[in-house]
Protein backbone atom coordinates (compact mmCIF):
# COMPACT_ATOMS: atom_id res chain seq x y z
CA MET A 1 67.52 190.46 -170.24
CA ASP A 2 69.74 187.93 -171.45
CA SER A 3 69.74 184.40 -170.32
CA GLN A 4 73.29 184.90 -167.79
CA THR A 5 71.76 187.81 -166.87
CA THR A 6 68.38 185.93 -165.54
CA TYR A 7 70.25 182.85 -164.60
CA VAL A 8 72.53 185.18 -161.86
CA VAL A 9 69.19 187.08 -160.42
CA VAL A 10 67.40 183.71 -160.18
CA THR A 11 70.16 181.80 -158.27
CA THR A 12 70.99 184.57 -155.59
CA ALA A 13 66.88 184.80 -155.37
CA VAL A 14 66.52 181.09 -154.51
CA VAL A 15 69.59 180.98 -152.40
CA GLY A 16 68.74 183.82 -150.47
CA PHE A 17 65.26 182.33 -150.10
CA ALA A 18 66.99 178.96 -149.11
CA ILE A 19 69.31 179.88 -146.29
CA VAL A 20 66.48 182.25 -145.01
CA VAL A 21 63.93 179.71 -144.47
CA GLY A 22 66.42 177.30 -143.61
CA THR A 23 68.19 178.85 -140.72
CA MET A 24 64.80 180.02 -139.53
CA MET A 25 63.45 176.98 -139.15
CA THR A 26 66.37 175.36 -137.43
CA THR A 27 66.38 177.77 -134.97
CA LEU A 28 62.43 177.28 -134.45
CA MET A 29 63.22 173.84 -133.45
CA GLU A 30 66.55 174.59 -131.19
CA GLY A 31 64.05 176.90 -129.84
CA ARG A 32 61.29 174.39 -129.08
CA ALA A 33 64.16 171.67 -128.08
CA ILE A 34 65.68 173.35 -125.16
CA SER A 35 62.28 175.11 -123.90
CA SER A 36 61.10 171.83 -123.79
CA ALA A 37 64.67 170.09 -122.01
CA PHE A 38 63.95 173.13 -119.41
CA GLU A 39 60.79 172.56 -119.05
CA ASN A 40 61.33 168.65 -118.00
CA MET A 41 64.74 169.95 -116.26
CA ALA A 42 62.23 172.04 -113.78
CA ARG A 43 59.73 169.41 -113.40
CA GLN A 44 62.56 166.69 -112.55
CA PRO A 45 65.50 168.34 -111.09
CA SER A 46 66.97 164.71 -110.58
CA VAL A 47 67.37 163.86 -114.38
CA ALA A 48 69.02 166.72 -115.06
CA ASP A 49 72.36 165.75 -116.15
CA ARG A 50 71.16 163.30 -118.60
CA ILE A 51 68.64 165.77 -120.13
CA SER A 52 71.39 168.09 -121.24
CA GLY A 53 73.64 165.87 -122.17
CA THR A 54 70.79 165.08 -124.40
CA LEU A 55 70.23 168.00 -125.53
CA LEU A 56 73.81 169.11 -126.54
CA ILE A 57 73.42 166.23 -128.79
CA LEU A 58 70.35 167.03 -130.31
CA LEU A 59 71.49 170.71 -130.73
CA ALA A 60 74.69 169.44 -132.64
CA ILE A 61 71.90 167.43 -134.72
CA ILE A 62 69.35 169.93 -135.58
CA GLU A 63 72.63 172.81 -136.24
CA SER A 64 74.18 170.45 -138.77
CA ALA A 65 71.22 171.31 -140.75
CA ALA A 66 71.83 174.76 -141.45
CA ILE A 67 75.27 173.85 -142.23
CA TYR A 68 73.98 171.39 -145.11
CA VAL A 69 71.98 174.22 -145.96
CA LEU A 70 75.20 176.80 -146.63
CA VAL A 71 77.11 174.69 -147.88
CA VAL A 72 74.17 173.62 -150.92
CA CYS A 73 73.58 177.55 -151.24
CA LEU A 74 77.32 178.09 -151.54
CA ILE A 75 77.08 175.29 -154.37
CA LEU A 76 74.90 177.28 -155.87
CA LEU A 77 76.07 179.76 -155.70
CA LEU A 78 79.83 179.23 -156.39
CA ALA A 79 79.97 175.89 -158.37
CA ASN A 80 76.40 175.52 -159.81
CA PRO A 81 76.54 172.40 -161.83
CA PHE A 82 73.66 174.04 -164.02
CA ALA A 83 75.71 177.25 -164.78
CA SER A 84 77.55 175.74 -168.27
CA TYR A 85 73.71 175.86 -170.13
CA PHE A 86 73.37 179.82 -169.53
CA ARG A 87 76.73 180.54 -171.22
């Protein structure tokens, strides 16, 4: 197997692993945040509106981590700066 084929296979495997782990971790953290927010809303219904507003901001921040993972993976697949070393 030549170096370019090895490069493509390794890059694809690393990107696949990174996108799975990156999205899995953000999904778990979103679930944990929602669960905690609902528990707190059930305990203190009077502050439910403040908790839900904070929850929406928190979910947007957590979701941005998944978007960053996607951007890095797309850069590695489509515009990899190290590709010139293997041609």
